[in-house]
Amino acid sequence: MITIIGDSWGCGEWFPKDGHYGVVHAGLEQYLTDAGYPVTNLSGSNKQNEEAIDFLETYLASTPAPTAVFWFVTCPLRTTMNRIYNDPHEFGITQLTTAFNYVDQLAAKYHTKVYILGGLCDIPSEVARLAFDNIIFAINSISSLVIDNFPQSMFGDVKELHRIKSTEASMAVAQLIEKKLDVFQASEFFPDHGHPGRCVHEMIFQQIVKYLK
């Protein structure tokens, strides 16, 4: 069994269809299923990293451990904290490091491996070079996988900027997010201008299938 966790990027390709906006292709889940792998997808729209971990922990406690967990990591500004008073970059690094440390221990407890996929959050180098026993950085930036010179940033959700207390810091993060959104807007790889299309998910599958052999 393979488990997918994360936000809307883990759900697949999004696009308007029949008057509604939603998932039109199951993405990585579909490619894994087509290849014969049983998959449970715990991803959900707008889900925080903390929520993804909670869903995974509940699942692991009640189900035989999957052979692999693939985690579409999201913007660390998606948090239960109402206000971010310190430097946003420092905050993001701390949030990601804390989350990865916890998941590393969780994976050890249930004898599985967690493979990191940098989705709306491009995994910063400070985190990607950390050593974990049960976490593997499979793709640090999905966007960079398909777009040359992509403006990587761990931030990606403009709706969460209100959490940053400092106006100056908030504006700086907004500029980072705007650069990413501008690229998404212009790229055929992101058909709804915010989520990777099915062809990108197929590339993700091609990158990660080596871990399943």
C-alpha atoms as a PDB file:
ATOM      1  CA  MET A   1       0.000   0.000   0.000  1.00  0.00           C
ATOM      2  CA  ILE A   2       1.124   3.536  -0.848  1.00  0.00           C
ATOM      3  CA  THR A   3      -0.212   6.595   0.928  1.00  0.00           C
ATOM      4  CA  ILE A   4      -0.309  10.154  -0.406  1.00  0.00           C
ATOM      5  CA  ILE A   5      -0.704  13.091   1.984  1.00  0.00           C
ATOM      6  CA  GLY A   6      -0.704  16.849   1.557  1.00  0.00           C
ATOM      7  CA  ASP A   7      -2.787  19.685   0.190  1.00  0.00           C
ATOM      8  CA  SER A   8      -4.635  20.118  -3.120  1.00  0.00           C
ATOM      9  CA  TRP A   9      -1.457  19.420  -5.122  1.00  0.00           C
ATOM     10  CA  GLY A  10      -1.712  15.831  -3.915  1.00  0.00           C
ATOM     11  CA  CYS A  11      -5.290  15.540  -5.221  1.00  0.00           C
ATOM     12  CA  GLY A  12      -4.280  15.837  -8.870  1.00  0.00           C
ATOM     13  CA  GLU A  13      -5.027  18.206 -11.751  1.00  0.00           C
ATOM     14  CA  TRP A  14      -7.578  20.950 -11.084  1.00  0.00           C
ATOM     15  CA  PHE A  15      -9.673  22.730 -13.709  1.00  0.00           C
ATOM     16  CA  PRO A  16     -13.197  24.054 -14.271  1.00  0.00           C
ATOM     17  CA  LYS A  17     -15.488  21.313 -15.555  1.00  0.00           C
ATOM     18  CA  ASP A  18     -19.244  21.264 -16.110  1.00  0.00           C
ATOM     19  CA  GLY A  19     -19.611  24.604 -14.374  1.00  0.00           C
ATOM     20  CA  HIS A  20     -17.668  23.522 -11.303  1.00  0.00           C
ATOM     21  CA  TYR A  21     -14.024  23.842 -10.294  1.00  0.00           C
ATOM     22  CA  GLY A  22     -12.484  20.626  -9.135  1.00  0.00           C
ATOM     23  CA  VAL A  23     -10.178  17.691  -9.746  1.00  0.00           C
ATOM     24  CA  VAL A  24     -10.312  16.475 -13.363  1.00  0.00           C
ATOM     25  CA  HIS A  25      -7.479  13.931 -13.080  1.00  0.00           C
ATOM     26  CA  ALA A  26      -6.217  12.140  -9.957  1.00  0.00           C
ATOM     27  CA  GLY A  27      -2.585  12.897 -10.764  1.00  0.00           C
ATOM     28  CA  LEU A  28       0.083  10.853  -9.017  1.00  0.00           C
ATOM     29  CA  GLU A  29      -2.565   8.635  -7.449  1.00  0.00           C
ATOM     30  CA  GLN A  30      -3.880   7.715 -10.898  1.00  0.00           C
ATOM     31  CA  TYR A  31      -0.456   6.948 -12.330  1.00  0.00           C
ATOM     32  CA  LEU A  32       0.402   4.760  -9.345  1.00  0.00           C
ATOM     33  CA  THR A  33      -2.935   2.951  -9.608  1.00  0.00           C
ATOM     34  CA  ASP A  34      -2.486   2.415 -13.346  1.00  0.00           C
ATOM     35  CA  ALA A  35       0.918   0.874 -12.601  1.00  0.00           C
ATOM     36  CA  GLY A  36      -0.710  -1.622 -10.236  1.00  0.00           C
ATOM     37  CA  TYR A  37       0.059  -0.026  -6.877  1.00  0.00           C
ATOM     38  CA  PRO A  38      -2.734   0.139  -4.268  1.00  0.00           C
ATOM     39  CA  VAL A  39      -3.054   3.758  -3.100  1.00  0.00           C
ATOM     40  CA  THR A  40      -4.763   5.631  -0.283  1.00  0.00           C
ATOM     41  CA  ASN A  41      -4.876   9.386  -0.853  1.00  0.00           C
ATOM     42  CA  LEU A  42      -5.324  11.510   2.278  1.00  0.00           C
ATOM     43  CA  SER A  43      -4.670  14.839   0.544  1.00  0.00           C
ATOM     44  CA  GLY A  44      -7.172  17.681   0.743  1.00  0.00           C
ATOM     45  CA  SER A  45      -7.700  21.180  -0.563  1.00  0.00           C
ATOM     46  CA  ASN A  46      -5.996  23.958   1.419  1.00  0.00           C
ATOM     47  CA  LYS A  47      -4.729  21.454   3.982  1.00  0.00           C
ATOM     48  CA  GLN A  48      -1.962  22.601   6.337  1.00  0.00           C
ATOM     49  CA  ASN A  49       1.176  20.526   6.866  1.00  0.00           C
ATOM     50  CA  GLU A  50       0.051  19.955  10.443  1.00  0.00           C
ATOM     51  CA  GLU A  51      -3.279  18.616   9.194  1.00  0.00           C
ATOM     52  CA  ALA A  52      -1.533  16.322   6.735  1.00  0.00           C
ATOM     53  CA  ILE A  53       0.521  14.901   9.597  1.00  0.00           C
ATOM     54  CA  ASP A  54      -2.573  14.466  11.778  1.00  0.00           C
ATOM     55  CA  PHE A  55      -4.376  12.577   9.005  1.00  0.00           C
ATOM     56  CA  LEU A  56      -1.329  10.376   8.476  1.00  0.00           C
ATOM     57  CA  GLU A  57      -0.905   9.612  12.171  1.00  0.00           C
ATOM     58  CA  THR A  58      -4.570   8.655  12.557  1.00  0.00           C
ATOM     59  CA  TYR A  59      -4.342   6.469   9.461  1.00  0.00           C
ATOM     60  CA  LEU A  60      -1.160   4.712  10.599  1.00  0.00           C
ATOM     61  CA  ALA A  61      -2.673   3.966  13.993  1.00  0.00           C
ATOM     62  CA  SER A  62      -5.568   2.043  12.445  1.00  0.00           C
ATOM     63  CA  THR A  63      -4.138   0.468   9.283  1.00  0.00           C
ATOM     64  CA  PRO A  64      -1.175  -1.749   8.398  1.00  0.00           C
ATOM     65  CA  ALA A  65       1.728   0.561   7.613  1.00  0.00           C
ATOM     66  CA  PRO A  66       2.132   1.506   3.946  1.00  0.00           C
ATOM     67  CA  THR A  67       5.372   0.657   2.197  1.00  0.00           C
ATOM     68  CA  ALA A  68       5.782   4.332   1.281  1.00  0.00           C
ATOM     69  CA  VAL A  69       4.237   7.710   2.039  1.00  0.00           C
ATOM     70  CA  PHE A  70       4.490  10.538  -0.493  1.00  0.00           C
ATOM     71  CA  TRP A  71       3.978  13.982   1.027  1.00  0.00           C
ATOM     72  CA  PHE A  72       3.152  17.043  -1.067  1.00  0.00           C
ATOM     73  CA  VAL A  73       4.502  19.696   1.308  1.00  0.00           C
ATOM     74  CA  THR A  74       2.590  22.972   1.365  1.00  0.00           C
ATOM     75  CA  CYS A  75       3.306  26.602   2.266  1.00  0.00           C
ATOM     76  CA  PRO A  76       4.315  26.906   5.957  1.00  0.00           C
ATOM     77  CA  LEU A  77       2.193  30.068   6.254  1.00  0.00           C
ATOM     78  CA  ARG A  78      -0.737  27.679   6.409  1.00  0.00           C
ATOM     79  CA  THR A  79      -0.623  27.244  10.150  1.00  0.00           C
ATOM     80  CA  THR A  80      -2.795  27.225  13.240  1.00  0.00           C
ATOM     81  CA  MET A  81      -0.916  30.287  14.507  1.00  0.00           C
ATOM     82  CA  ASN A  82      -2.878  33.526  14.167  1.00  0.00           C
ATOM     83  CA  ARG A  83       0.175  35.781  14.033  1.00  0.00           C
ATOM     84  CA  ILE A  84       3.774  35.351  12.921  1.00  0.00           C
ATOM     85  CA  TYR A  85       5.913  37.872  14.809  1.00  0.00           C
ATOM     86  CA  ASN A  86       9.402  36.738  13.869  1.00  0.00           C
ATOM     87  CA  ASP A  87      11.103  36.736  10.480  1.00  0.00           C
ATOM     88  CA  PRO A  88       8.911  34.702   8.053  1.00  0.00           C
ATOM     89  CA  HIS A  89      11.898  32.843   6.591  1.00  0.00           C
ATOM     90  CA  GLU A  90      13.052  31.831  10.054  1.00  0.00           C
ATOM     91  CA  PHE A  91       9.480  30.873  10.917  1.00  0.00           C
ATOM     92  CA  GLY A  92       9.144  28.730   7.800  1.00  0.00           C
ATOM     93  CA  ILE A  93      12.423  26.899   8.390  1.00  0.00           C
ATOM     94  CA  THR A  94      11.421  26.168  11.987  1.00  0.00           C
ATOM     95  CA  GLN A  95       7.959  24.973  10.963  1.00  0.00           C
ATOM     96  CA  LEU A  96       9.291  22.620   8.298  1.00  0.00           C
ATOM     97  CA  THR A  97      12.125  21.278  10.451  1.00  0.00           C
ATOM     98  CA  THR A  98       9.771  20.604  13.357  1.00  0.00           C
ATOM     99  CA  ALA A  99       7.266  18.876  11.073  1.00  0.00           C
ATOM    100  CA  PHE A 100       9.913  16.722   9.417  1.00  0.00           C
ATOM    101  CA  ASN A 101      11.434  15.710  12.737  1.00  0.00           C
ATOM    102  CA  TYR A 102       8.031  14.594  13.973  1.00  0.00           C
ATOM    103  CA  VAL A 103       7.212  12.675  10.790  1.00  0.00           C
ATOM    104  CA  ASP A 104      10.632  11.022  10.883  1.00  0.00           C
ATOM    105  CA  GLN A 105       9.816   9.654  14.337  1.00  0.00           C
ATOM    106  CA  LEU A 106       6.321   8.680  13.212  1.00  0.00           C
ATOM    107  CA  ALA A 107       7.725   6.757  10.251  1.00  0.00           C
ATOM    108  CA  ALA A 108      10.177   4.956  12.535  1.00  0.00           C
ATOM    109  CA  LYS A 109       7.368   3.947  14.866  1.00  0.00           C
ATOM    110  CA  TYR A 110       5.344   2.416  12.047  1.00  0.00           C
ATOM    111  CA  HIS A 111       8.285   1.075  10.014  1.00  0.00           C
ATOM    112  CA  THR A 112       7.665   3.055   6.841  1.00  0.00           C
ATOM    113  CA  LYS A 113       9.414   5.696   4.741  1.00  0.00           C
ATOM    114  CA  VAL A 114       8.181   9.191   3.891  1.00  0.00           C
ATOM    115  CA  TYR A 115       9.186  10.750   0.582  1.00  0.00           C
ATOM    116  CA  ILE A 116       9.103  14.541   0.393  1.00  0.00           C
ATOM    117  CA  LEU A 117       7.651  16.296  -2.645  1.00  0.00           C
ATOM    118  CA  GLY A 118       8.117  20.067  -2.677  1.00  0.00           C
ATOM    119  CA  GLY A 119       4.764  21.312  -3.934  1.00  0.00           C
ATOM    120  CA  LEU A 120       3.399  24.746  -3.121  1.00  0.00           C
ATOM    121  CA  CYS A 121       6.415  24.835  -0.809  1.00  0.00           C
ATOM    122  CA  ASP A 122       9.731  24.499  -2.613  1.00  0.00           C
ATOM    123  CA  ILE A 123      11.889  22.830   0.028  1.00  0.00           C
ATOM    124  CA  PRO A 124      14.608  25.296   1.120  1.00  0.00           C
ATOM    125  CA  SER A 125      18.209  24.116   0.981  1.00  0.00           C
ATOM    126  CA  GLU A 126      18.612  24.623   4.737  1.00  0.00           C
ATOM    127  CA  VAL A 127      16.008  21.910   5.281  1.00  0.00           C
ATOM    128  CA  ALA A 128      16.802  19.660   2.315  1.00  0.00           C
ATOM    129  CA  ARG A 129      20.331  19.074   3.550  1.00  0.00           C
ATOM    130  CA  LEU A 130      19.200  17.880   6.986  1.00  0.00           C
ATOM    131  CA  ALA A 131      19.691  14.180   7.687  1.00  0.00           C
ATOM    132  CA  PHE A 132      16.727  11.994   8.630  1.00  0.00           C
ATOM    133  CA  ASP A 133      16.514   8.243   9.083  1.00  0.00           C
ATOM    134  CA  ASN A 134      13.091   7.712   7.535  1.00  0.00           C
ATOM    135  CA  ILE A 135      12.543  10.777   5.348  1.00  0.00           C
ATOM    136  CA  ILE A 136      13.836  10.973   1.784  1.00  0.00           C
ATOM    137  CA  PHE A 137      13.794  14.207  -0.198  1.00  0.00           C
ATOM    138  CA  ALA A 138      12.491  12.808  -3.481  1.00  0.00           C
ATOM    139  CA  ILE A 139      11.727  16.092  -5.303  1.00  0.00           C
ATOM    140  CA  ASN A 140      12.623  19.348  -3.564  1.00  0.00           C
ATOM    141  CA  SER A 141      10.729  21.456  -6.087  1.00  0.00           C
ATOM    142  CA  ILE A 142       8.129  19.978  -8.418  1.00  0.00           C
ATOM    143  CA  SER A 143       7.887  23.322 -10.214  1.00  0.00           C
ATOM    144  CA  SER A 144      11.626  23.313 -10.940  1.00  0.00           C
ATOM    145  CA  LEU A 145      11.265  19.812 -12.318  1.00  0.00           C
ATOM    146  CA  VAL A 146       9.368  21.239 -15.302  1.00  0.00           C
ATOM    147  CA  ILE A 147      10.261  24.962 -15.424  1.00  0.00           C
ATOM    148  CA  ASP A 148      13.813  26.215 -15.879  1.00  0.00           C
ATOM    149  CA  ASN A 149      14.959  28.942 -13.476  1.00  0.00           C
ATOM    150  CA  PHE A 150      11.763  28.687 -11.446  1.00  0.00           C
ATOM    151  CA  PRO A 151      11.712  31.330  -8.643  1.00  0.00           C
ATOM    152  CA  GLN A 152      11.735  28.869  -5.763  1.00  0.00           C
ATOM    153  CA  SER A 153      10.283  29.851  -2.409  1.00  0.00           C
ATOM    154  CA  MET A 154       8.848  27.935   0.520  1.00  0.00           C
ATOM    155  CA  PHE A 155       5.923  30.393   0.424  1.00  0.00           C
ATOM    156  CA  GLY A 156       3.041  30.112  -2.000  1.00  0.00           C
ATOM    157  CA  ASP A 157      -0.314  30.999  -0.438  1.00  0.00           C
ATOM    158  CA  VAL A 158      -1.177  34.685  -0.739  1.00  0.00           C
ATOM    159  CA  LYS A 159      -4.306  34.174   1.392  1.00  0.00           C
ATOM    160  CA  GLU A 160      -2.108  33.570   4.444  1.00  0.00           C
ATOM    161  CA  LEU A 161      -0.074  36.793   4.293  1.00  0.00           C
ATOM    162  CA  HIS A 162      -2.297  38.368   6.940  1.00  0.00           C
ATOM    163  CA  ARG A 163      -0.623  36.162   9.550  1.00  0.00           C
ATOM    164  CA  ILE A 164       2.687  38.031   9.187  1.00  0.00           C
ATOM    165  CA  LYS A 165       2.663  40.863  11.736  1.00  0.00           C
ATOM    166  CA  SER A 166       5.308  43.035  10.086  1.00  0.00           C
ATOM    167  CA  THR A 167       3.974  44.887   7.048  1.00  0.00           C
ATOM    168  CA  GLU A 168       7.456  45.114   5.578  1.00  0.00           C
ATOM    169  CA  ALA A 169       8.049  41.376   5.984  1.00  0.00           C
ATOM    170  CA  SER A 170       4.606  40.603   4.596  1.00  0.00           C
ATOM    171  CA  MET A 171       5.298  42.651   1.483  1.00  0.00           C
ATOM    172  CA  ALA A 172       8.625  40.888   0.952  1.00  0.00           C
ATOM    173  CA  VAL A 173       6.941  37.474   1.125  1.00  0.00           C
ATOM    174  CA  ALA A 174       4.141  38.729  -1.144  1.00  0.00           C
ATOM    175  CA  GLN A 175       6.722  39.557  -3.808  1.00  0.00           C
ATOM    176  CA  LEU A 176       8.143  36.026  -3.601  1.00  0.00           C
ATOM    177  CA  ILE A 177       4.686  34.529  -3.990  1.00  0.00           C
ATOM    178  CA  GLU A 178       3.804  36.876  -6.847  1.00  0.00           C
ATOM    179  CA  LYS A 179       6.846  35.710  -8.817  1.00  0.00           C
ATOM    180  CA  LYS A 180       5.710  32.106  -8.475  1.00  0.00           C
ATOM    181  CA  LEU A 181       2.113  32.873  -9.403  1.00  0.00           C
ATOM    182  CA  ASP A 182       3.237  34.826 -12.467  1.00  0.00           C
ATOM    183  CA  VAL A 183       5.158  31.780 -13.681  1.00  0.00           C
ATOM    184  CA  PHE A 184       2.205  29.471 -12.999  1.00  0.00           C
ATOM    185  CA  GLN A 185      -0.033  31.873 -14.921  1.00  0.00           C
ATOM    186  CA  ALA A 186       2.207  31.710 -17.987  1.00  0.00           C
ATOM    187  CA  SER A 187       3.005  27.987 -17.923  1.00  0.00           C
ATOM    188  CA  GLU A 188       1.114  25.256 -19.751  1.00  0.00           C
ATOM    189  CA  PHE A 189       2.268  22.895 -17.002  1.00  0.00           C
ATOM    190  CA  PHE A 190      -0.186  24.607 -14.618  1.00  0.00           C
ATOM    191  CA  PRO A 191      -3.488  24.608 -16.549  1.00  0.00           C
ATOM    192  CA  ASP A 192      -5.496  26.289 -13.777  1.00  0.00           C
ATOM    193  CA  HIS A 193      -2.581  28.652 -12.948  1.00  0.00           C
ATOM    194  CA  GLY A 194      -2.084  27.179  -9.498  1.00  0.00           C
ATOM    195  CA  HIS A 195      -1.800  23.390  -9.619  1.00  0.00           C
ATOM    196  CA  PRO A 196       0.380  21.099 -11.742  1.00  0.00           C
ATOM    197  CA  GLY A 197      -1.331  19.375 -14.640  1.00  0.00           C
ATOM    198  CA  ARG A 198      -1.494  15.653 -15.225  1.00  0.00           C
ATOM    199  CA  CYS A 199       1.648  15.679 -17.368  1.00  0.00           C
ATOM    200  CA  VAL A 200       3.571  17.040 -14.375  1.00  0.00           C
ATOM    201  CA  HIS A 201       2.107  14.336 -12.162  1.00  0.00           C
ATOM    202  CA  GLU A 202       3.290  11.781 -14.694  1.00  0.00           C
ATOM    203  CA  MET A 203       6.803  13.251 -14.404  1.00  0.00           C
ATOM    204  CA  ILE A 204       6.527  13.008 -10.614  1.00  0.00           C
ATOM    205  CA  PHE A 205       5.542   9.352 -10.987  1.00  0.00           C
ATOM    206  CA  GLN A 206       8.534   8.697 -13.228  1.00  0.00           C
ATOM    207  CA  GLN A 207      10.800  10.287 -10.621  1.00  0.00           C
ATOM    208  CA  ILE A 208       9.471   8.422  -7.610  1.00  0.00           C
ATOM    209  CA  VAL A 209       8.747   4.958  -8.999  1.00  0.00           C
ATOM    210  CA  LYS A 210      12.426   4.034  -8.459  1.00  0.00           C
ATOM    211  CA  TYR A 211      11.774   4.162  -4.707  1.00  0.00           C
ATOM    212  CA  LEU A 212       9.107   1.467  -5.040  1.00  0.00           C
ATOM    213  CA  LYS A 213      11.271  -1.173  -6.720  1.00  0.00           C
END
